[in-house]
Amino acid sequence: MRKFFIVITLIIWAGIVFAQGQDVQLGRDNLQQLRNNVGALYDYSDPQSVNIKVAVWGFVKFPGRYIVPVNTKVSDLLSLAGGPVSEARVDEFRLVRTNSDSSQSVINLNYNDFLYNTDVSKINNTLTLKAGDILLATGGPPRMFFRDYFSIGISIVSLLLSVIILVRQG
C-alpha cells in the first residue's frame, strides 16, 4: 500500500512539473531582438538602399511597424515578424495596400501558396511590398495540442486521486 502512495505522489508531481514546464526556457533568450527595438518598431533597413515602412498586425509572433528595404516580399516580412502563430489561419492573410489615388485595396493571400505553389509567376506580383502596406494575419481561437490535453488529464487524475485518498483516510 505504501508503494501505491509513492507511485501516486510521483505521478502527481510529474503532472505538476509537466503542466508548469511552459515557463521553463532552455538556451539563449530569443527576445533579445525585442530589447534592441523601441516599442513595436522593428528596423531592418538597408543603409545602401531605399527603405519603406510597412505594418504587420494580427496572429504573428512580433506584430508592429517594420522598416524594410523596398524590394521586400511578403514571405520575407512574415519571416521577420517571427512567422504565423499556431492560431493563425494561414489561408486567410490580407494585404491592405494604399493606391496612388488614396483608395485602398485588399489583396487576399494564401500562405499555403508561398509554401506549396510551384508556379512562382502567379503569385510574384502580389508579393512585393510597397510603402504603407499593412499585412493582416487572421486567426481563430487557441488550438489545443497533446501537451495541453495531457496537462488537463493529469490535473483531473490528480484531483480524483486526492479525493480518493481523503475519503479512504477519513
Protein backbone atom coordinates (compact mmCIF):
# COMPACT_ATOMS: atom_id res chain seq x y z
CA MET A 1 0.00 0.00 0.00
CA ARG A 2 2.90 2.34 0.76
CA LYS A 3 4.35 1.76 -2.72
CA PHE A 4 0.98 2.69 -4.19
CA PHE A 5 1.02 6.10 -2.46
CA ILE A 6 4.62 6.71 -3.53
CA VAL A 7 3.73 5.97 -7.16
CA ILE A 8 0.65 8.23 -6.96
CA THR A 9 2.75 11.01 -5.44
CA LEU A 10 5.30 10.72 -8.23
CA ILE A 11 2.56 10.83 -10.87
CA ILE A 12 1.04 13.95 -9.31
CA TRP A 13 4.46 15.59 -9.03
CA ALA A 14 5.25 14.76 -12.67
CA GLY A 15 1.90 16.24 -13.74
CA ILE A 16 2.56 19.47 -11.90
CA VAL A 17 6.07 19.79 -13.32
CA PHE A 18 4.88 18.96 -16.85
CA ALA A 19 1.96 21.42 -16.64
CA GLN A 20 4.23 24.23 -15.47
CA GLY A 21 7.00 23.37 -17.94
CA GLN A 22 5.82 26.07 -20.33
CA ASP A 23 7.54 28.67 -18.15
CA VAL A 24 10.89 26.91 -18.48
CA GLN A 25 13.20 28.05 -21.24
CA LEU A 26 16.38 26.33 -22.29
CA GLY A 27 19.15 28.10 -24.14
CA ARG A 28 19.52 31.73 -25.10
CA ASP A 29 16.70 34.24 -24.75
CA ASN A 30 15.04 34.74 -28.15
CA LEU A 31 13.61 38.12 -27.15
CA GLN A 32 16.98 39.87 -27.44
CA GLN A 33 15.76 41.39 -30.71
CA LEU A 34 12.81 43.00 -28.90
CA ARG A 35 15.07 44.58 -26.31
CA ASN A 36 17.06 46.31 -29.06
CA ASN A 37 13.96 47.93 -30.57
CA VAL A 38 11.82 50.74 -29.24
CA GLY A 39 8.18 49.71 -28.82
CA ALA A 40 6.86 47.71 -31.72
CA LEU A 41 9.03 49.37 -34.36
CA TYR A 42 11.45 46.96 -35.99
CA ASP A 43 14.21 48.43 -38.10
CA TYR A 44 15.56 46.07 -40.76
CA SER A 45 16.54 48.89 -43.07
CA ASP A 46 19.43 48.67 -45.50
CA PRO A 47 21.67 51.77 -45.36
CA GLN A 48 22.61 51.29 -49.03
CA SER A 49 19.01 51.05 -50.29
CA VAL A 50 15.65 52.79 -50.26
CA ASN A 51 13.57 51.68 -47.28
CA ILE A 52 9.82 51.62 -46.73
CA LYS A 53 7.58 51.44 -43.68
CA VAL A 54 5.05 48.62 -43.52
CA ALA A 55 2.99 47.08 -40.74
CA VAL A 56 2.13 43.55 -39.64
CA TRP A 57 -0.94 43.05 -37.47
CA GLY A 58 -2.66 40.03 -36.06
CA PHE A 59 -1.55 36.49 -35.42
CA VAL A 60 2.23 36.71 -35.89
CA LYS A 61 4.90 36.39 -33.22
CA PHE A 62 6.08 40.03 -33.40
CA PRO A 63 3.33 42.36 -34.72
CA GLY A 64 4.20 46.00 -35.29
CA ARG A 65 5.70 48.52 -37.71
CA TYR A 66 8.67 47.47 -39.82
CA ILE A 67 11.23 49.45 -41.78
CA VAL A 68 12.40 47.19 -44.60
CA PRO A 69 14.19 47.54 -47.96
CA VAL A 70 11.99 48.45 -50.93
CA ASN A 71 12.06 45.03 -52.66
CA THR A 72 10.98 43.02 -49.62
CA LYS A 73 8.48 40.22 -50.28
CA VAL A 74 5.52 39.31 -48.08
CA SER A 75 7.15 35.99 -47.20
CA ASP A 76 10.28 37.86 -46.04
CA LEU A 77 8.15 40.16 -43.89
CA LEU A 78 6.40 37.17 -42.35
CA SER A 79 9.79 35.71 -41.51
CA LEU A 80 10.95 38.97 -39.94
CA ALA A 81 7.73 39.06 -37.90
CA GLY A 82 8.52 35.64 -36.43
CA GLY A 83 6.08 33.77 -38.63
CA PRO A 84 2.43 32.99 -38.01
CA VAL A 85 1.49 31.68 -34.57
CA SER A 86 -0.35 28.38 -34.17
CA GLU A 87 -3.78 30.10 -34.06
CA ALA A 88 -3.24 31.86 -37.41
CA ARG A 89 -5.36 30.93 -40.40
CA VAL A 90 -2.61 30.64 -42.99
CA ASP A 91 -5.06 30.58 -45.88
CA GLU A 92 -6.68 33.94 -44.97
CA PHE A 93 -3.93 36.59 -44.85
CA ARG A 94 -4.78 40.02 -46.21
CA LEU A 95 -2.55 42.74 -47.60
CA VAL A 96 -4.09 46.22 -47.36
CA ARG A 97 -2.49 48.48 -49.96
CA THR A 98 -2.99 52.22 -50.43
CA ASN A 99 -3.15 53.05 -54.14
CA SER A 100 -1.78 56.20 -55.79
CA ASP A 101 -5.30 57.76 -55.81
CA SER A 102 -5.55 57.32 -51.98
CA SER A 103 -8.01 54.46 -52.28
CA GLN A 104 -7.28 51.21 -50.51
CA SER A 105 -7.41 47.72 -51.91
CA VAL A 106 -7.33 44.41 -50.11
CA ILE A 107 -5.32 41.55 -51.57
CA ASN A 108 -6.18 38.13 -50.17
CA LEU A 109 -3.15 35.91 -49.70
CA ASN A 110 -2.90 32.23 -49.01
CA TYR A 111 0.27 31.37 -47.08
CA ASN A 112 -0.05 27.82 -48.39
CA ASP A 113 0.65 29.30 -51.84
CA PHE A 114 4.00 30.51 -50.55
CA LEU A 115 4.78 27.06 -49.24
CA TYR A 116 3.40 24.72 -51.89
CA ASN A 117 2.87 26.59 -55.17
CA THR A 118 5.47 25.66 -57.75
CA ASP A 119 4.47 28.38 -60.26
CA VAL A 120 6.05 31.48 -58.71
CA SER A 121 4.99 33.78 -61.56
CA LYS A 122 1.33 33.58 -60.48
CA ILE A 123 1.97 34.96 -57.00
CA ASN A 124 5.09 37.06 -57.57
CA ASN A 125 3.24 40.31 -58.44
CA THR A 126 1.30 40.43 -55.18
CA LEU A 127 4.29 39.51 -53.02
CA THR A 128 6.36 42.68 -53.38
CA LEU A 129 5.59 45.17 -50.63
CA LYS A 130 5.00 48.87 -51.21
CA ALA A 131 5.28 51.75 -48.75
CA GLY A 132 2.37 51.86 -46.34
CA ASP A 133 1.25 48.25 -46.86
CA ILE A 134 -0.41 46.52 -43.93
CA LEU A 135 -0.29 42.74 -43.62
CA LEU A 136 -3.18 41.32 -41.59
CA ALA A 137 -2.73 37.80 -40.26
CA THR A 138 -6.15 36.50 -39.32
CA GLY A 139 -6.67 33.79 -36.76
CA GLY A 140 -9.06 31.89 -34.61
CA PRO A 141 -9.40 30.51 -31.13
CA PRO A 142 -6.36 28.90 -29.50
CA ARG A 143 -5.57 25.40 -30.65
CA MET A 144 -5.08 22.59 -28.19
CA PHE A 145 -2.12 20.27 -28.59
CA PHE A 146 -1.28 16.94 -27.00
CA ARG A 147 0.62 18.59 -24.16
CA ASP A 148 -2.46 20.70 -23.34
CA TYR A 149 -4.77 17.68 -23.24
CA PHE A 150 -2.16 15.75 -21.25
CA SER A 151 -1.85 18.57 -18.73
CA ILE A 152 -5.63 18.75 -18.29
CA GLY A 153 -5.85 14.96 -17.95
CA ILE A 154 -3.10 14.83 -15.33
CA SER A 155 -4.82 17.60 -13.37
CA ILE A 156 -8.12 15.71 -13.37
CA VAL A 157 -6.45 12.42 -12.42
CA SER A 158 -4.54 14.08 -9.58
CA LEU A 159 -7.73 15.70 -8.31
CA LEU A 160 -9.58 12.37 -8.35
CA LEU A 161 -6.72 10.59 -6.61
CA SER A 162 -6.59 13.27 -3.94
CA VAL A 163 -10.31 12.88 -3.30
CA ILE A 164 -9.98 9.08 -3.12
CA ILE A 165 -7.09 9.36 -0.65
CA LEU A 166 -9.04 11.82 1.51
CA VAL A 167 -12.11 9.55 1.53
CA ARG A 168 -10.09 6.47 2.44
CA GLN A 169 -8.25 8.28 5.24
CA GLY A 170 -11.43 9.81 6.69
